Every structure is written in structure tokens, then in C-alpha cells.
Amino acid sequence: MTVTDHLDSPFAPVGRGNAHYSVSTELYSPHLTVVRVTGELDLKSRSVLAQVLDDALHTETIVLLDLSEVTFMYSGAGCVVLDAAARSAGRLEVFAPTRPARLVLEALGAATIVADPRAA
């Protein structure tokens, strides 16, 4: 497994000491990539999320977007997820979104790409 921390990305406007979010990529196999997001998905984190999802979807892997530790989601970040899902040909799945993330995604009409094991 390969894990990439994107806090040092040139797109990340936050410093390591006071980061309000983190985005990491975990490559479990040539067929599965997990993009794990924690903290606040606000205006500052939007471009990092967009770049990481674009990079993950560049290959033919299944991309699981883990939003289980998101505390806030700006609607612009939700639009990034919707845009990535539209380009993914069904390869992007949003996993276990928190209530703030789920509310934004549902308001934007993305309920069909959300998989929440807690809802079962």
C-alpha cells in the first residue's frame, strides 16, 4: 500500500501546524485507490481536493472517496466531487460521508454516488 499526504501540495494553502483539513491517497492495488479526507472542506481545500481526485481518476482504478471524518463541507467542494463523479464513468464512490458532507451532496443531487454503511 502506498500513502500520499497532500498537505505539502503546492495547491494546499495551509501549513502543517494549523491544517484544518487533510487529503491523502492510499493505493491498495492497481484496481483500488482510496482518497481519504478529514477536517473542513472549505474554499481553501477545494483546489487540493480537485487535483487529488483528478490524479486518482487518471488511471483506470476504482476510487473510493472516504468522507467519514469531514467536519464541514463547502458547496464548492461538493461540486468538485460531482464533477469528478461525472468524469469517472462510475469509478468514483463516496464512502461513509458525515452528516455535513452528506447534506451538501444530497442538496447537490449526488445521493446516488454515496455509499454509507451506517445507513444499513
C-alpha atoms as a PDB file:
ATOM      1  CA  MET A   1       0.000   0.000   0.000  1.00  0.00           C
ATOM      2  CA  THR A   2       1.242   3.485  -0.838  1.00  0.00           C
ATOM      3  CA  VAL A   3       0.023   6.501   1.144  1.00  0.00           C
ATOM      4  CA  THR A   4       0.484  10.048  -0.110  1.00  0.00           C
ATOM      5  CA  ASP A   5      -0.104  13.018   2.172  1.00  0.00           C
ATOM      6  CA  HIS A   6      -1.189  16.075   0.186  1.00  0.00           C
ATOM      7  CA  LEU A   7      -0.591  18.726   2.846  1.00  0.00           C
ATOM      8  CA  ASP A   8       2.696  19.641   1.136  1.00  0.00           C
ATOM      9  CA  SER A   9       0.975  20.106  -2.214  1.00  0.00           C
ATOM     10  CA  PRO A  10       1.627  23.446  -3.909  1.00  0.00           C
ATOM     11  CA  PHE A  11      -2.162  23.720  -4.055  1.00  0.00           C
ATOM     12  CA  ALA A  12      -2.529  23.454  -0.269  1.00  0.00           C
ATOM     13  CA  PRO A  13      -2.761  26.925   1.263  1.00  0.00           C
ATOM     14  CA  VAL A  14      -2.446  25.684   4.834  1.00  0.00           C
ATOM     15  CA  GLY A  15       0.641  24.960   6.859  1.00  0.00           C
ATOM     16  CA  ARG A  16       1.381  21.682   8.559  1.00  0.00           C
ATOM     17  CA  GLY A  17       0.965  23.175  12.031  1.00  0.00           C
ATOM     18  CA  ASN A  18      -2.543  24.616  11.681  1.00  0.00           C
ATOM     19  CA  ALA A  19      -4.125  22.496   8.973  1.00  0.00           C
ATOM     20  CA  HIS A  20      -7.904  22.458   9.090  1.00  0.00           C
ATOM     21  CA  TYR A  21      -8.051  19.553   6.647  1.00  0.00           C
ATOM     22  CA  SER A  22      -6.005  16.762   5.171  1.00  0.00           C
ATOM     23  CA  VAL A  23      -6.297  14.830   1.938  1.00  0.00           C
ATOM     24  CA  SER A  24      -4.385  11.597   1.477  1.00  0.00           C
ATOM     25  CA  THR A  25      -4.245   8.976  -1.240  1.00  0.00           C
ATOM     26  CA  GLU A  26      -3.875   5.292  -0.428  1.00  0.00           C
ATOM     27  CA  LEU A  27      -3.134   2.878  -3.265  1.00  0.00           C
ATOM     28  CA  TYR A  28      -4.242  -0.578  -2.144  1.00  0.00           C
ATOM     29  CA  SER A  29      -3.836  -2.290  -5.508  1.00  0.00           C
ATOM     30  CA  PRO A  30      -3.726  -1.401  -9.193  1.00  0.00           C
ATOM     31  CA  HIS A  31      -7.532  -1.591  -9.037  1.00  0.00           C
ATOM     32  CA  LEU A  32      -8.350   0.364  -5.856  1.00  0.00           C
ATOM     33  CA  THR A  33      -7.399   3.854  -4.697  1.00  0.00           C
ATOM     34  CA  VAL A  34      -8.767   5.419  -1.515  1.00  0.00           C
ATOM     35  CA  VAL A  35      -8.819   9.195  -1.208  1.00  0.00           C
ATOM     36  CA  ARG A  36      -9.261   9.978   2.486  1.00  0.00           C
ATOM     37  CA  VAL A  37     -10.375  13.475   3.534  1.00  0.00           C
ATOM     38  CA  THR A  38     -10.506  14.786   7.089  1.00  0.00           C
ATOM     39  CA  GLY A  39     -11.463  18.127   8.613  1.00  0.00           C
ATOM     40  CA  GLU A  40     -13.019  21.111   6.866  1.00  0.00           C
ATOM     41  CA  LEU A  41     -13.583  21.034   3.103  1.00  0.00           C
ATOM     42  CA  ASP A  42     -13.803  24.765   2.586  1.00  0.00           C
ATOM     43  CA  LEU A  43     -12.795  27.197  -0.142  1.00  0.00           C
ATOM     44  CA  LYS A  44      -9.100  26.730   0.662  1.00  0.00           C
ATOM     45  CA  SER A  45      -9.199  22.936   0.345  1.00  0.00           C
ATOM     46  CA  ARG A  46     -11.293  22.838  -2.844  1.00  0.00           C
ATOM     47  CA  SER A  47      -8.370  23.019  -5.300  1.00  0.00           C
ATOM     48  CA  VAL A  48      -6.419  20.330  -3.416  1.00  0.00           C
ATOM     49  CA  LEU A  49      -9.420  18.001  -3.489  1.00  0.00           C
ATOM     50  CA  ALA A  50      -9.935  18.655  -7.209  1.00  0.00           C
ATOM     51  CA  GLN A  51      -6.280  17.906  -8.031  1.00  0.00           C
ATOM     52  CA  VAL A  52      -6.163  14.744  -5.923  1.00  0.00           C
ATOM     53  CA  LEU A  53      -9.384  13.375  -7.437  1.00  0.00           C
ATOM     54  CA  ASP A  54      -8.171  14.201 -10.959  1.00  0.00           C
ATOM     55  CA  ASP A  55      -4.890  12.394 -10.278  1.00  0.00           C
ATOM     56  CA  ALA A  56      -6.677   9.372  -8.804  1.00  0.00           C
ATOM     57  CA  LEU A  57      -9.121   9.136 -11.714  1.00  0.00           C
ATOM     58  CA  HIS A  58      -6.337   9.475 -14.293  1.00  0.00           C
ATOM     59  CA  THR A  59      -5.842   5.700 -14.161  1.00  0.00           C
ATOM     60  CA  GLU A  60      -8.486   3.009 -14.594  1.00  0.00           C
ATOM     61  CA  THR A  61      -8.697   2.291 -10.863  1.00  0.00           C
ATOM     62  CA  ILE A  62     -11.809   2.349  -8.689  1.00  0.00           C
ATOM     63  CA  VAL A  63     -11.656   5.448  -6.460  1.00  0.00           C
ATOM     64  CA  LEU A  64     -13.239   5.334  -3.035  1.00  0.00           C
ATOM     65  CA  LEU A  65     -13.640   8.828  -1.558  1.00  0.00           C
ATOM     66  CA  ASP A  66     -13.735   8.442   2.231  1.00  0.00           C
ATOM     67  CA  LEU A  67     -15.544  11.380   3.846  1.00  0.00           C
ATOM     68  CA  SER A  68     -16.031   9.710   7.234  1.00  0.00           C
ATOM     69  CA  GLU A  69     -14.011  12.377   9.073  1.00  0.00           C
ATOM     70  CA  VAL A  70     -15.188  15.539   7.303  1.00  0.00           C
ATOM     71  CA  THR A  71     -16.466  18.121   9.797  1.00  0.00           C
ATOM     72  CA  PHE A  72     -17.606  20.766   7.279  1.00  0.00           C
ATOM     73  CA  MET A  73     -18.217  20.758   3.530  1.00  0.00           C
ATOM     74  CA  TYR A  74     -18.465  23.894   1.411  1.00  0.00           C
ATOM     75  CA  SER A  75     -20.802  23.528  -1.579  1.00  0.00           C
ATOM     76  CA  GLY A  76     -17.886  24.221  -3.940  1.00  0.00           C
ATOM     77  CA  ALA A  77     -16.123  21.115  -2.599  1.00  0.00           C
ATOM     78  CA  GLY A  78     -19.346  19.200  -3.191  1.00  0.00           C
ATOM     79  CA  CYS A  79     -19.331  20.405  -6.796  1.00  0.00           C
ATOM     80  CA  VAL A  80     -15.753  19.108  -7.144  1.00  0.00           C
ATOM     81  CA  VAL A  81     -16.998  15.677  -6.068  1.00  0.00           C
ATOM     82  CA  LEU A  82     -19.931  15.862  -8.523  1.00  0.00           C
ATOM     83  CA  ASP A  83     -17.677  16.907 -11.400  1.00  0.00           C
ATOM     84  CA  ALA A  84     -15.238  14.089 -10.634  1.00  0.00           C
ATOM     85  CA  ALA A  85     -18.102  11.584 -10.447  1.00  0.00           C
ATOM     86  CA  ALA A  86     -19.430  12.739 -13.823  1.00  0.00           C
ATOM     87  CA  ARG A  87     -15.999  12.167 -15.408  1.00  0.00           C
ATOM     88  CA  SER A  88     -15.349   8.865 -13.641  1.00  0.00           C
ATOM     89  CA  ALA A  89     -17.659   6.598 -15.671  1.00  0.00           C
ATOM     90  CA  GLY A  90     -18.900   5.042 -12.425  1.00  0.00           C
ATOM     91  CA  ARG A  91     -15.443   4.527 -10.904  1.00  0.00           C
ATOM     92  CA  LEU A  92     -15.866   7.091  -8.077  1.00  0.00           C
ATOM     93  CA  GLU A  93     -17.805   6.156  -4.971  1.00  0.00           C
ATOM     94  CA  VAL A  94     -18.267   8.372  -1.927  1.00  0.00           C
ATOM     95  CA  PHE A  95     -17.910   6.306   1.238  1.00  0.00           C
ATOM     96  CA  ALA A  96     -19.354   6.977   4.707  1.00  0.00           C
ATOM     97  CA  PRO A  97     -19.893  10.730   4.500  1.00  0.00           C
ATOM     98  CA  THR A  98     -20.513  12.558   7.745  1.00  0.00           C
ATOM     99  CA  ARG A  99     -23.775  14.418   8.173  1.00  0.00           C
ATOM    100  CA  PRO A 100     -22.326  17.775   6.982  1.00  0.00           C
ATOM    101  CA  ALA A 101     -20.880  16.163   3.851  1.00  0.00           C
ATOM    102  CA  ARG A 102     -23.978  14.077   3.140  1.00  0.00           C
ATOM    103  CA  LEU A 103     -26.297  17.111   3.432  1.00  0.00           C
ATOM    104  CA  VAL A 104     -24.264  19.084   0.882  1.00  0.00           C
ATOM    105  CA  LEU A 105     -24.011  16.149  -1.539  1.00  0.00           C
ATOM    106  CA  GLU A 106     -27.727  15.399  -1.263  1.00  0.00           C
ATOM    107  CA  ALA A 107     -28.593  19.082  -1.809  1.00  0.00           C
ATOM    108  CA  LEU A 108     -26.494  18.981  -4.975  1.00  0.00           C
ATOM    109  CA  GLY A 109     -28.254  15.811  -6.185  1.00  0.00           C
ATOM    110  CA  ALA A 110     -25.419  13.353  -5.583  1.00  0.00           C
ATOM    111  CA  ALA A 111     -27.233  10.818  -3.403  1.00  0.00           C
ATOM    112  CA  THR A 112     -26.663   8.050  -5.966  1.00  0.00           C
ATOM    113  CA  ILE A 113     -22.866   8.098  -5.589  1.00  0.00           C
ATOM    114  CA  VAL A 114     -22.946   7.878  -1.784  1.00  0.00           C
ATOM    115  CA  ALA A 115     -22.354   4.542  -0.032  1.00  0.00           C
ATOM    116  CA  ASP A 116     -22.940   4.768   3.700  1.00  0.00           C
ATOM    117  CA  PRO A 117     -22.551   1.523   5.654  1.00  0.00           C
ATOM    118  CA  ARG A 118     -24.015   3.237   8.716  1.00  0.00           C
ATOM    119  CA  ALA A 119     -27.345   3.607   6.884  1.00  0.00           C
ATOM    120  CA  ALA A 120     -27.808  -0.181   6.643  1.00  0.00           C
END
